[in-house]
Amino acid sequence: MEERAFGRSGQHASVVGLGTWQLGADWGDVDDKEALTVLEAAAEAGVTFFDTADVYGDGRSEQTIATFLRSRQDLHVLVATKMGRRVAQIPENYVLDNFRAWNDRSRRNLGVDRLDLVQLHCPPTPVYSSDEVFDALDTLVEEERIAAYGVSVETCAEALTAIARPNVASVQIILNPFRMKPLLEVLPAAEKAGVAVIARVPLASGLLSGKYTKDTVFAENDHRTYNRHGESFDQGETFSGVDYETGVEAAVEFAGLAPEGFTPAQLALRWIIQLPGVTTVIPGARTPEQARANAAAAALPALSDETLTAIRDLYDRRIKDQVEGRW
């Protein structure tokens, strides 16, 4: 699979990575054996970038990745984790002592001396403007606790603030055919600065797979049940912030735009992959079949101008007014 460079850090990632939130929690139940088979299928399909966080299953996702990589020492996989969501979300908690403690825990979970990439996990907005926070992150690099650092953001404004920081290696942001605002400023700014863009929630929490109806019932412990209105964390993380009924209707239309040989999910992934400035896209997968199908999007032909125009028209008509003013 094609790999793209993180311009500032010299690291590389496959254009399709693997998001592992679902292997830890908040997407229904996935047992350890199933999780390992998903990681294996992704790696065998050419995926060299795993994204996780210290709070996914309270460390379970990190530990599962470590178990898998110990069994496959022939693989070179860049593992990106996140920190910051283990405490109250106030800027005062984003300090060096906490960073060291969180890093120590992730290093134990992942079984490494130095973490490949650590991202601030959607912190409070003032954190992005704090010199002390980024000085602390630089200290972690100097101490060889981490090789590089980045940020995961909720809004385009946060992304632009982070990109202006000289040592930020990556920005992770929600980007999919139902969340196009990053195309306006974030992608051009990141590309110019050499900052990697990690596109998350690429299928709008599964909406863009075309598999859901208005009557679909998700598990009680699935965030698509309990966070539709932002009850537990930012609403934009669930269905990209789109009202579920509107999203289901728009997803039916989106599926109809898939060229021959594409699934709707692959259409969404291919759309992201060919955007200038995108480094990697990180769909989740609950089964090996999903992991392989997601990875296969990297080898599909580029979308035609006609298809791209139709996708943009769908967004403008059905989705834009719901999301662009908020994120």
C-alpha atoms as a PDB file:
ATOM      1  CA  MET A   1       0.000   0.000   0.000  1.00  0.00           C
ATOM      2  CA  GLU A   2       1.134   3.546  -0.673  1.00  0.00           C
ATOM      3  CA  GLU A   3       2.753   5.294   2.285  1.00  0.00           C
ATOM      4  CA  ARG A   4       2.882   9.051   2.827  1.00  0.00           C
ATOM      5  CA  ALA A   5       5.336  11.079   4.877  1.00  0.00           C
ATOM      6  CA  PHE A   6       4.812  13.131   7.996  1.00  0.00           C
ATOM      7  CA  GLY A   7       6.756  16.124   6.713  1.00  0.00           C
ATOM      8  CA  ARG A   8       7.938  17.456  10.056  1.00  0.00           C
ATOM      9  CA  SER A   9       8.824  14.179  11.796  1.00  0.00           C
ATOM     10  CA  GLY A  10      10.097  12.007   8.954  1.00  0.00           C
ATOM     11  CA  GLN A  11       7.638   9.256   9.869  1.00  0.00           C
ATOM     12  CA  HIS A  12       5.482   7.415   7.327  1.00  0.00           C
ATOM     13  CA  ALA A  13       2.002   5.919   7.345  1.00  0.00           C
ATOM     14  CA  SER A  14      -0.056   3.843   4.954  1.00  0.00           C
ATOM     15  CA  VAL A  15      -2.739   5.933   3.241  1.00  0.00           C
ATOM     16  CA  VAL A  16      -5.348   3.740   4.910  1.00  0.00           C
ATOM     17  CA  GLY A  17      -4.653   3.157   8.582  1.00  0.00           C
ATOM     18  CA  LEU A  18      -6.727   1.532  11.287  1.00  0.00           C
ATOM     19  CA  GLY A  19      -8.619   3.329  14.025  1.00  0.00           C
ATOM     20  CA  THR A  20      -8.895   1.147  17.133  1.00  0.00           C
ATOM     21  CA  TRP A  21     -11.439   2.932  19.318  1.00  0.00           C
ATOM     22  CA  GLN A  22     -13.863   0.101  18.602  1.00  0.00           C
ATOM     23  CA  LEU A  23     -11.359  -2.496  19.863  1.00  0.00           C
ATOM     24  CA  GLY A  24     -11.440  -0.911  23.299  1.00  0.00           C
ATOM     25  CA  ALA A  25     -14.945   0.328  24.002  1.00  0.00           C
ATOM     26  CA  ASP A  26     -17.964   2.405  23.001  1.00  0.00           C
ATOM     27  CA  TRP A  27     -18.954   0.416  19.882  1.00  0.00           C
ATOM     28  CA  GLY A  28     -20.593  -2.609  21.484  1.00  0.00           C
ATOM     29  CA  ASP A  29     -18.555  -5.636  22.488  1.00  0.00           C
ATOM     30  CA  VAL A  30     -15.491  -6.906  20.633  1.00  0.00           C
ATOM     31  CA  ASP A  31     -13.647  -9.741  22.375  1.00  0.00           C
ATOM     32  CA  ASP A  32      -9.856 -10.049  22.480  1.00  0.00           C
ATOM     33  CA  LYS A  33      -9.657 -12.788  19.846  1.00  0.00           C
ATOM     34  CA  GLU A  34     -11.783 -10.776  17.413  1.00  0.00           C
ATOM     35  CA  ALA A  35      -9.674  -7.690  18.021  1.00  0.00           C
ATOM     36  CA  LEU A  36      -6.470  -9.557  17.207  1.00  0.00           C
ATOM     37  CA  THR A  37      -7.936 -10.928  13.982  1.00  0.00           C
ATOM     38  CA  VAL A  38      -8.864  -7.392  12.907  1.00  0.00           C
ATOM     39  CA  LEU A  39      -5.308  -6.178  13.526  1.00  0.00           C
ATOM     40  CA  GLU A  40      -3.906  -9.152  11.619  1.00  0.00           C
ATOM     41  CA  ALA A  41      -6.211  -8.601   8.631  1.00  0.00           C
ATOM     42  CA  ALA A  42      -5.315  -4.914   8.484  1.00  0.00           C
ATOM     43  CA  ALA A  43      -1.582  -5.585   8.639  1.00  0.00           C
ATOM     44  CA  GLU A  44      -1.779  -8.299   5.995  1.00  0.00           C
ATOM     45  CA  ALA A  45      -3.614  -5.820   3.741  1.00  0.00           C
ATOM     46  CA  GLY A  46      -0.729  -3.367   3.988  1.00  0.00           C
ATOM     47  CA  VAL A  47      -1.830  -1.116   6.858  1.00  0.00           C
ATOM     48  CA  THR A  48       1.182   0.321   8.695  1.00  0.00           C
ATOM     49  CA  PHE A  49      -0.561   2.892  10.912  1.00  0.00           C
ATOM     50  CA  PHE A  50      -2.630   2.074  14.006  1.00  0.00           C
ATOM     51  CA  ASP A  51      -4.358   4.865  15.928  1.00  0.00           C
ATOM     52  CA  THR A  52      -5.354   4.319  19.551  1.00  0.00           C
ATOM     53  CA  ALA A  53      -5.726   6.216  22.851  1.00  0.00           C
ATOM     54  CA  ASP A  54      -5.086   5.613  26.516  1.00  0.00           C
ATOM     55  CA  VAL A  55      -8.818   5.828  27.274  1.00  0.00           C
ATOM     56  CA  TYR A  56     -10.025   3.329  24.663  1.00  0.00           C
ATOM     57  CA  GLY A  57     -11.263   0.594  26.963  1.00  0.00           C
ATOM     58  CA  ASP A  58      -9.159   2.184  29.740  1.00  0.00           C
ATOM     59  CA  GLY A  59      -6.002   0.987  27.982  1.00  0.00           C
ATOM     60  CA  ARG A  60      -7.396  -2.218  26.492  1.00  0.00           C
ATOM     61  CA  SER A  61      -6.906  -1.026  22.921  1.00  0.00           C
ATOM     62  CA  GLU A  62      -3.247  -0.163  23.558  1.00  0.00           C
ATOM     63  CA  GLN A  63      -2.677  -3.509  25.262  1.00  0.00           C
ATOM     64  CA  THR A  64      -4.288  -5.430  22.397  1.00  0.00           C
ATOM     65  CA  ILE A  65      -2.051  -3.685  19.873  1.00  0.00           C
ATOM     66  CA  ALA A  66       0.987  -4.556  22.006  1.00  0.00           C
ATOM     67  CA  THR A  67      -0.046  -8.220  22.143  1.00  0.00           C
ATOM     68  CA  PHE A  68      -0.447  -8.310  18.380  1.00  0.00           C
ATOM     69  CA  LEU A  69       2.851  -6.575  17.591  1.00  0.00           C
ATOM     70  CA  ARG A  70       4.759  -8.875  19.954  1.00  0.00           C
ATOM     71  CA  SER A  71       3.509 -11.776  17.864  1.00  0.00           C
ATOM     72  CA  ARG A  72       4.451 -10.047  14.585  1.00  0.00           C
ATOM     73  CA  GLN A  73       7.879  -8.559  15.105  1.00  0.00           C
ATOM     74  CA  ASP A  74       8.417  -8.723  11.339  1.00  0.00           C
ATOM     75  CA  LEU A  75       6.017  -5.803  10.919  1.00  0.00           C
ATOM     76  CA  HIS A  76       6.844  -2.113  11.016  1.00  0.00           C
ATOM     77  CA  VAL A  77       3.746  -0.297  12.250  1.00  0.00           C
ATOM     78  CA  LEU A  78       3.607   3.325  13.371  1.00  0.00           C
ATOM     79  CA  VAL A  79       1.423   3.396  16.494  1.00  0.00           C
ATOM     80  CA  ALA A  80      -0.169   6.710  17.389  1.00  0.00           C
ATOM     81  CA  THR A  81      -1.788   7.034  20.788  1.00  0.00           C
ATOM     82  CA  LYS A  82      -3.477   9.943  22.568  1.00  0.00           C
ATOM     83  CA  MET A  83      -3.520  11.448  26.030  1.00  0.00           C
ATOM     84  CA  GLY A  84      -5.497  13.923  28.087  1.00  0.00           C
ATOM     85  CA  ARG A  85      -8.952  12.443  28.556  1.00  0.00           C
ATOM     86  CA  ARG A  86      -8.236  10.670  31.843  1.00  0.00           C
ATOM     87  CA  VAL A  87      -8.891  13.809  33.902  1.00  0.00           C
ATOM     88  CA  ALA A  88     -11.334  16.689  34.087  1.00  0.00           C
ATOM     89  CA  GLN A  89     -11.219  18.674  30.868  1.00  0.00           C
ATOM     90  CA  ILE A  90      -9.716  21.901  32.164  1.00  0.00           C
ATOM     91  CA  PRO A  91      -6.539  23.510  30.768  1.00  0.00           C
ATOM     92  CA  GLU A  92      -4.854  23.333  34.179  1.00  0.00           C
ATOM     93  CA  ASN A  93      -4.558  19.546  33.841  1.00  0.00           C
ATOM     94  CA  TYR A  94      -2.425  19.784  30.698  1.00  0.00           C
ATOM     95  CA  VAL A  95       0.938  19.992  32.454  1.00  0.00           C
ATOM     96  CA  LEU A  96       4.277  18.177  32.217  1.00  0.00           C
ATOM     97  CA  ASP A  97       3.829  16.011  35.321  1.00  0.00           C
ATOM     98  CA  ASN A  98       0.536  14.659  34.008  1.00  0.00           C
ATOM     99  CA  PHE A  99       2.002  14.175  30.545  1.00  0.00           C
ATOM    100  CA  ARG A 100       4.815  12.064  32.017  1.00  0.00           C
ATOM    101  CA  ALA A 101       2.385   9.960  34.043  1.00  0.00           C
ATOM    102  CA  TRP A 102       0.092   9.382  31.074  1.00  0.00           C
ATOM    103  CA  ASN A 103       3.073   8.563  28.856  1.00  0.00           C
ATOM    104  CA  ASP A 104       4.401   6.087  31.392  1.00  0.00           C
ATOM    105  CA  ARG A 105       1.077   4.293  31.404  1.00  0.00           C
ATOM    106  CA  SER A 106       0.851   4.166  27.600  1.00  0.00           C
ATOM    107  CA  ARG A 107       4.437   2.973  27.309  1.00  0.00           C
ATOM    108  CA  ARG A 108       3.619   0.124  29.701  1.00  0.00           C
ATOM    109  CA  ASN A 109       0.429  -0.715  27.835  1.00  0.00           C
ATOM    110  CA  LEU A 110       2.200  -0.714  24.467  1.00  0.00           C
ATOM    111  CA  GLY A 111       5.350  -2.391  25.763  1.00  0.00           C
ATOM    112  CA  VAL A 112       7.757   0.229  24.388  1.00  0.00           C
ATOM    113  CA  ASP A 113      10.367   2.594  25.770  1.00  0.00           C
ATOM    114  CA  ARG A 114       9.445   5.390  23.379  1.00  0.00           C
ATOM    115  CA  LEU A 115       6.035   6.117  21.907  1.00  0.00           C
ATOM    116  CA  ASP A 116       5.982   6.710  18.140  1.00  0.00           C
ATOM    117  CA  LEU A 117       3.422   9.515  18.129  1.00  0.00           C
ATOM    118  CA  VAL A 118       1.410  11.021  20.980  1.00  0.00           C
ATOM    119  CA  GLN A 119      -1.561  13.271  20.300  1.00  0.00           C
ATOM    120  CA  LEU A 120      -3.370  15.602  22.667  1.00  0.00           C
ATOM    121  CA  HIS A 121      -6.836  14.065  22.747  1.00  0.00           C
ATOM    122  CA  CYS A 122      -9.254  16.867  21.835  1.00  0.00           C
ATOM    123  CA  PRO A 123      -8.289  19.070  24.779  1.00  0.00           C
ATOM    124  CA  PRO A 124     -10.064  22.284  25.814  1.00  0.00           C
ATOM    125  CA  THR A 125      -9.598  24.957  23.162  1.00  0.00           C
ATOM    126  CA  PRO A 126      -7.272  27.213  25.249  1.00  0.00           C
ATOM    127  CA  VAL A 127      -4.717  24.378  25.404  1.00  0.00           C
ATOM    128  CA  TYR A 128      -3.793  24.907  21.742  1.00  0.00           C
ATOM    129  CA  SER A 129      -2.682  28.463  22.528  1.00  0.00           C
ATOM    130  CA  SER A 130      -0.563  27.592  25.572  1.00  0.00           C
ATOM    131  CA  ASP A 131       3.201  27.936  25.136  1.00  0.00           C
ATOM    132  CA  GLU A 132       3.693  25.929  28.340  1.00  0.00           C
ATOM    133  CA  VAL A 133       1.816  22.941  26.906  1.00  0.00           C
ATOM    134  CA  PHE A 134       3.965  22.768  23.794  1.00  0.00           C
ATOM    135  CA  ASP A 135       7.141  23.359  25.807  1.00  0.00           C
ATOM    136  CA  ALA A 136       6.138  20.333  27.878  1.00  0.00           C
ATOM    137  CA  LEU A 137       5.595  18.265  24.748  1.00  0.00           C
ATOM    138  CA  ASP A 138       9.020  19.316  23.482  1.00  0.00           C
ATOM    139  CA  THR A 139      10.442  18.140  26.810  1.00  0.00           C
ATOM    140  CA  LEU A 140       8.910  14.679  26.292  1.00  0.00           C
ATOM    141  CA  VAL A 141      10.696  14.462  22.941  1.00  0.00           C
ATOM    142  CA  GLU A 142      13.984  15.582  24.539  1.00  0.00           C
ATOM    143  CA  GLU A 143      13.537  12.926  27.239  1.00  0.00           C
ATOM    144  CA  GLU A 144      12.974  10.333  24.496  1.00  0.00           C
ATOM    145  CA  ARG A 145       9.619   9.337  25.939  1.00  0.00           C
ATOM    146  CA  ILE A 146       8.015  10.140  22.584  1.00  0.00           C
ATOM    147  CA  ALA A 147       9.366  10.384  19.051  1.00  0.00           C
ATOM    148  CA  ALA A 148       6.880  13.012  17.900  1.00  0.00           C
ATOM    149  CA  TYR A 149       3.650  14.684  18.915  1.00  0.00           C
ATOM    150  CA  GLY A 150       0.470  15.924  17.342  1.00  0.00           C
ATOM    151  CA  VAL A 151      -3.055  16.940  18.215  1.00  0.00           C
ATOM    152  CA  SER A 152      -6.530  15.590  17.727  1.00  0.00           C
ATOM    153  CA  VAL A 153      -9.028  18.410  17.304  1.00  0.00           C
ATOM    154  CA  GLU A 154     -12.747  19.014  17.134  1.00  0.00           C
ATOM    155  CA  THR A 155     -12.767  22.239  15.125  1.00  0.00           C
ATOM    156  CA  CYS A 156     -11.008  23.699  12.124  1.00  0.00           C
ATOM    157  CA  ALA A 157      -9.988  26.733  14.187  1.00  0.00           C
ATOM    158  CA  GLU A 158      -8.186  24.453  16.674  1.00  0.00           C
ATOM    159  CA  ALA A 159      -6.436  22.687  13.798  1.00  0.00           C
ATOM    160  CA  LEU A 160      -5.156  25.952  12.353  1.00  0.00           C
ATOM    161  CA  THR A 161      -3.844  27.074  15.750  1.00  0.00           C
ATOM    162  CA  ALA A 162      -1.978  23.784  16.140  1.00  0.00           C
ATOM    163  CA  ILE A 163      -0.529  23.838  12.626  1.00  0.00           C
ATOM    164  CA  ALA A 164       1.095  27.179  13.446  1.00  0.00           C
ATOM    165  CA  ARG A 165       3.125  25.486  16.190  1.00  0.00           C
ATOM    166  CA  PRO A 166       6.582  24.628  14.785  1.00  0.00           C
ATOM    167  CA  ASN A 167       6.944  21.103  16.187  1.00  0.00           C
ATOM    168  CA  VAL A 168       3.437  19.706  15.731  1.00  0.00           C
ATOM    169  CA  ALA A 169       3.879  16.653  13.487  1.00  0.00           C
ATOM    170  CA  SER A 170       0.224  15.821  12.867  1.00  0.00           C
ATOM    171  CA  VAL A 171      -3.332  17.023  13.140  1.00  0.00           C
ATOM    172  CA  GLN A 172      -6.147  14.530  13.439  1.00  0.00           C
ATOM    173  CA  ILE A 173      -9.535  15.876  12.411  1.00  0.00           C
ATOM    174  CA  ILE A 174     -12.973  14.595  11.414  1.00  0.00           C
ATOM    175  CA  LEU A 175     -13.042  14.572   7.627  1.00  0.00           C
ATOM    176  CA  ASN A 176     -15.478  12.762   5.357  1.00  0.00           C
ATOM    177  CA  PRO A 177     -18.092  13.511   2.673  1.00  0.00           C
ATOM    178  CA  PHE A 178     -20.407  14.703   5.464  1.00  0.00           C
ATOM    179  CA  ARG A 179     -17.716  16.968   7.030  1.00  0.00           C
ATOM    180  CA  MET A 180     -16.042  19.030   4.308  1.00  0.00           C
ATOM    181  CA  LYS A 181     -15.109  22.226   6.108  1.00  0.00           C
ATOM    182  CA  PRO A 182     -11.444  21.152   6.600  1.00  0.00           C
ATOM    183  CA  LEU A 183     -11.002  21.397   2.817  1.00  0.00           C
ATOM    184  CA  LEU A 184     -11.298  25.182   2.970  1.00  0.00           C
ATOM    185  CA  GLU A 185      -8.293  26.102   5.122  1.00  0.00           C
ATOM    186  CA  VAL A 186      -6.997  23.189   7.200  1.00  0.00           C
ATOM    187  CA  LEU A 187      -5.766  20.920   4.417  1.00  0.00           C
ATOM    188  CA  PRO A 188      -3.973  23.710   2.494  1.00  0.00           C
ATOM    189  CA  ALA A 189      -2.356  25.039   5.683  1.00  0.00           C
ATOM    190  CA  ALA A 190      -1.209  21.598   6.791  1.00  0.00           C
ATOM    191  CA  GLU A 191       0.207  20.761   3.385  1.00  0.00           C
ATOM    192  CA  LYS A 192       2.139  24.032   3.250  1.00  0.00           C
ATOM    193  CA  ALA A 193       3.545  23.523   6.750  1.00  0.00           C
ATOM    194  CA  GLY A 194       4.437  19.856   6.291  1.00  0.00           C
ATOM    195  CA  VAL A 195       1.991  18.749   8.997  1.00  0.00           C
ATOM    196  CA  ALA A 196       0.438  15.320   8.523  1.00  0.00           C
ATOM    197  CA  VAL A 197      -3.358  15.163   8.376  1.00  0.00           C
ATOM    198  CA  ILE A 198      -4.983  12.104   9.938  1.00  0.00           C
ATOM    199  CA  ALA A 199      -8.618  11.876   8.811  1.00  0.00           C
ATOM    200  CA  ARG A 200     -10.805  10.307  11.464  1.00  0.00           C
ATOM    201  CA  VAL A 201     -14.500   9.305  11.548  1.00  0.00           C
ATOM    202  CA  PRO A 202     -14.221   8.787   7.770  1.00  0.00           C
ATOM    203  CA  LEU A 203     -17.483   6.862   7.525  1.00  0.00           C
ATOM    204  CA  ALA A 204     -19.457   9.195   9.805  1.00  0.00           C
ATOM    205  CA  SER A 205     -19.731   6.475  12.466  1.00  0.00           C
ATOM    206  CA  GLY A 206     -20.858   3.990   9.830  1.00  0.00           C
ATOM    207  CA  LEU A 207     -23.510   6.138   8.172  1.00  0.00           C
ATOM    208  CA  LEU A 208     -21.536   6.261   4.932  1.00  0.00           C
ATOM    209  CA  SER A 209     -21.386   2.475   4.763  1.00  0.00           C
ATOM    210  CA  GLY A 210     -25.016   2.600   3.665  1.00  0.00           C
ATOM    211  CA  LYS A 211     -25.919  -0.233   6.041  1.00  0.00           C
ATOM    212  CA  TYR A 212     -28.174   1.615   8.474  1.00  0.00           C
ATOM    213  CA  THR A 213     -31.854   2.504   8.368  1.00  0.00           C
ATOM    214  CA  LYS A 214     -33.940   4.739  10.586  1.00  0.00           C
ATOM    215  CA  ASP A 215     -34.931   1.580  12.499  1.00  0.00           C
ATOM    216  CA  THR A 216     -31.390   0.346  13.178  1.00  0.00           C
ATOM    217  CA  VAL A 217     -30.809  -0.287  16.892  1.00  0.00           C
ATOM    218  CA  PHE A 218     -27.287   0.037  18.279  1.00  0.00           C
ATOM    219  CA  ALA A 219     -26.064  -1.567  21.496  1.00  0.00           C
ATOM    220  CA  GLU A 220     -26.707   0.290  24.726  1.00  0.00           C
ATOM    221  CA  ASN A 221     -22.941   0.723  25.270  1.00  0.00           C
ATOM    222  CA  ASP A 222     -22.412   2.034  21.726  1.00  0.00           C
ATOM    223  CA  HIS A 223     -21.832   5.795  21.496  1.00  0.00           C
ATOM    224  CA  ARG A 224     -24.215   5.834  18.521  1.00  0.00           C
ATOM    225  CA  THR A 225     -26.922   5.187  21.102  1.00  0.00           C
ATOM    226  CA  TYR A 226     -25.820   7.303  24.054  1.00  0.00           C
ATOM    227  CA  ASN A 227     -24.034  10.276  22.466  1.00  0.00           C
ATOM    228  CA  ARG A 228     -26.264  11.341  19.575  1.00  0.00           C
ATOM    229  CA  HIS A 229     -26.723  14.773  21.100  1.00  0.00           C
ATOM    230  CA  GLY A 230     -23.318  15.125  22.746  1.00  0.00           C
ATOM    231  CA  GLU A 231     -24.386  13.730  26.103  1.00  0.00           C
ATOM    232  CA  SER A 232     -20.959  12.218  26.912  1.00  0.00           C
ATOM    233  CA  PHE A 233     -18.464  13.959  24.598  1.00  0.00           C
ATOM    234  CA  ASP A 234     -18.466  16.216  21.555  1.00  0.00           C
ATOM    235  CA  GLN A 235     -21.512  15.526  19.392  1.00  0.00           C
ATOM    236  CA  GLY A 236     -19.384  15.747  16.266  1.00  0.00           C
ATOM    237  CA  GLU A 237     -17.740  12.419  17.128  1.00  0.00           C
ATOM    238  CA  THR A 238     -21.063  10.610  16.609  1.00  0.00           C
ATOM    239  CA  PHE A 239     -22.381  10.523  13.030  1.00  0.00           C
ATOM    240  CA  SER A 240     -20.098  13.540  12.406  1.00  0.00           C
ATOM    241  CA  GLY A 241     -22.676  15.668  14.210  1.00  0.00           C
ATOM    242  CA  VAL A 242     -25.352  15.016  11.588  1.00  0.00           C
ATOM    243  CA  ASP A 243     -28.902  14.338  12.737  1.00  0.00           C
ATOM    244  CA  TYR A 244     -29.348  10.563  12.423  1.00  0.00           C
ATOM    245  CA  GLU A 245     -32.488  10.573  10.278  1.00  0.00           C
ATOM    246  CA  THR A 246     -31.027  13.175   7.937  1.00  0.00           C
ATOM    247  CA  GLY A 247     -27.802  11.187   7.787  1.00  0.00           C
ATOM    248  CA  VAL A 248     -29.557   7.941   6.881  1.00  0.00           C
ATOM    249  CA  GLU A 249     -31.445   9.619   4.047  1.00  0.00           C
ATOM    250  CA  ALA A 250     -28.312  11.329   2.729  1.00  0.00           C
ATOM    251  CA  ALA A 251     -26.358   8.067   3.004  1.00  0.00           C
ATOM    252  CA  VAL A 252     -28.837   6.338   0.687  1.00  0.00           C
ATOM    253  CA  GLU A 253     -28.216   9.025  -1.914  1.00  0.00           C
ATOM    254  CA  PHE A 254     -24.462   8.807  -1.316  1.00  0.00           C
ATOM    255  CA  ALA A 255     -24.471   5.039  -1.861  1.00  0.00           C
ATOM    256  CA  GLY A 256     -26.076   5.609  -5.239  1.00  0.00           C
ATOM    257  CA  LEU A 257     -23.000   7.575  -6.326  1.00  0.00           C
ATOM    258  CA  ALA A 258     -20.618   4.632  -5.911  1.00  0.00           C
ATOM    259  CA  PRO A 259     -18.930   3.665  -9.190  1.00  0.00           C
ATOM    260  CA  GLU A 260     -18.974   0.053 -10.287  1.00  0.00           C
ATOM    261  CA  GLY A 261     -16.678  -2.010  -8.081  1.00  0.00           C
ATOM    262  CA  PHE A 262     -16.910   0.356  -5.098  1.00  0.00           C
ATOM    263  CA  THR A 263     -18.851  -0.170  -1.898  1.00  0.00           C
ATOM    264  CA  PRO A 264     -20.282   3.008  -0.342  1.00  0.00           C
ATOM    265  CA  ALA A 265     -17.639   2.828   2.400  1.00  0.00           C
ATOM    266  CA  GLN A 266     -14.870   2.543  -0.179  1.00  0.00           C
ATOM    267  CA  LEU A 267     -16.306   5.519  -2.019  1.00  0.00           C
ATOM    268  CA  ALA A 268     -16.019   7.599   1.160  1.00  0.00           C
ATOM    269  CA  LEU A 269     -12.473   6.409   1.825  1.00  0.00           C
ATOM    270  CA  ARG A 270     -11.343   6.938  -1.762  1.00  0.00           C
ATOM    271  CA  TRP A 271     -12.780  10.480  -1.658  1.00  0.00           C
ATOM    272  CA  ILE A 272     -10.622  11.234   1.404  1.00  0.00           C
ATOM    273  CA  ILE A 273      -7.473   9.534   0.107  1.00  0.00           C
ATOM    274  CA  GLN A 274      -7.295  11.662  -3.002  1.00  0.00           C
ATOM    275  CA  LEU A 275      -7.702  14.995  -1.210  1.00  0.00           C
ATOM    276  CA  PRO A 276      -4.488  17.064  -1.400  1.00  0.00           C
ATOM    277  CA  GLY A 277      -2.970  17.318   2.057  1.00  0.00           C
ATOM    278  CA  VAL A 278      -4.352  14.096   3.543  1.00  0.00           C
ATOM    279  CA  THR A 279      -1.692  11.747   4.905  1.00  0.00           C
ATOM    280  CA  THR A 280      -3.767   8.833   6.182  1.00  0.00           C
ATOM    281  CA  VAL A 281      -7.374   7.942   6.894  1.00  0.00           C
ATOM    282  CA  ILE A 282      -8.246   5.762   9.892  1.00  0.00           C
ATOM    283  CA  PRO A 283     -11.502   3.824   9.519  1.00  0.00           C
ATOM    284  CA  GLY A 284     -12.335   1.447  12.312  1.00  0.00           C
ATOM    285  CA  ALA A 285     -13.201  -2.191  11.738  1.00  0.00           C
ATOM    286  CA  ARG A 286     -14.975  -4.749  13.868  1.00  0.00           C
ATOM    287  CA  THR A 287     -14.264  -7.731  11.604  1.00  0.00           C
ATOM    288  CA  PRO A 288     -11.358  -8.878   9.405  1.00  0.00           C
ATOM    289  CA  GLU A 289     -13.608  -8.506   6.367  1.00  0.00           C
ATOM    290  CA  GLN A 290     -14.196  -4.835   7.153  1.00  0.00           C
ATOM    291  CA  ALA A 291     -10.484  -4.242   7.688  1.00  0.00           C
ATOM    292  CA  ARG A 292      -9.612  -5.805   4.333  1.00  0.00           C
ATOM    293  CA  ALA A 293     -12.361  -3.938   2.481  1.00  0.00           C
ATOM    294  CA  ASN A 294     -11.246  -0.628   3.978  1.00  0.00           C
ATOM    295  CA  ALA A 295      -7.626  -1.245   3.010  1.00  0.00           C
ATOM    296  CA  ALA A 296      -8.687  -2.151  -0.525  1.00  0.00           C
ATOM    297  CA  ALA A 297      -9.922   1.413  -1.058  1.00  0.00           C
ATOM    298  CA  ALA A 298      -6.284   2.473  -1.427  1.00  0.00           C
ATOM    299  CA  ALA A 299      -5.973   0.521  -4.686  1.00  0.00           C
ATOM    300  CA  LEU A 300      -9.216   1.707  -6.282  1.00  0.00           C
ATOM    301  CA  PRO A 301      -9.068   4.197  -9.171  1.00  0.00           C
ATOM    302  CA  ALA A 302      -9.355   7.910  -8.510  1.00  0.00           C
ATOM    303  CA  LEU A 303     -12.886   9.262  -8.547  1.00  0.00           C
ATOM    304  CA  SER A 304     -14.029  11.156 -11.617  1.00  0.00           C
ATOM    305  CA  ASP A 305     -14.801  14.867 -11.596  1.00  0.00           C
ATOM    306  CA  GLU A 306     -18.447  13.968 -12.175  1.00  0.00           C
ATOM    307  CA  THR A 307     -18.550  11.828  -9.025  1.00  0.00           C
ATOM    308  CA  LEU A 308     -16.714  14.453  -6.989  1.00  0.00           C
ATOM    309  CA  THR A 309     -19.183  17.114  -8.108  1.00  0.00           C
ATOM    310  CA  ALA A 310     -22.134  14.916  -7.177  1.00  0.00           C
ATOM    311  CA  ILE A 311     -20.693  14.272  -3.701  1.00  0.00           C
ATOM    312  CA  ARG A 312     -20.175  17.976  -3.156  1.00  0.00           C
ATOM    313  CA  ASP A 313     -23.708  18.748  -4.292  1.00  0.00           C
ATOM    314  CA  LEU A 314     -25.112  16.194  -1.837  1.00  0.00           C
ATOM    315  CA  TYR A 315     -23.150  17.764   1.003  1.00  0.00           C
ATOM    316  CA  ASP A 316     -24.236  21.283   0.103  1.00  0.00           C
ATOM    317  CA  ARG A 317     -27.921  20.345  -0.130  1.00  0.00           C
ATOM    318  CA  ARG A 318     -28.335  18.027   2.830  1.00  0.00           C
ATOM    319  CA  ILE A 319     -25.477  18.342   5.308  1.00  0.00           C
ATOM    320  CA  LYS A 320     -23.589  21.630   5.193  1.00  0.00           C
ATOM    321  CA  ASP A 321     -26.035  23.742   7.178  1.00  0.00           C
ATOM    322  CA  GLN A 322     -25.979  21.245  10.057  1.00  0.00           C
ATOM    323  CA  VAL A 323     -22.233  21.048  10.582  1.00  0.00           C
ATOM    324  CA  GLU A 324     -20.175  23.907   9.142  1.00  0.00           C
ATOM    325  CA  GLY A 325     -21.181  26.496  11.685  1.00  0.00           C
ATOM    326  CA  ARG A 326     -20.209  24.299  14.627  1.00  0.00           C
ATOM    327  CA  TRP A 327     -16.911  22.658  13.712  1.00  0.00           C
END
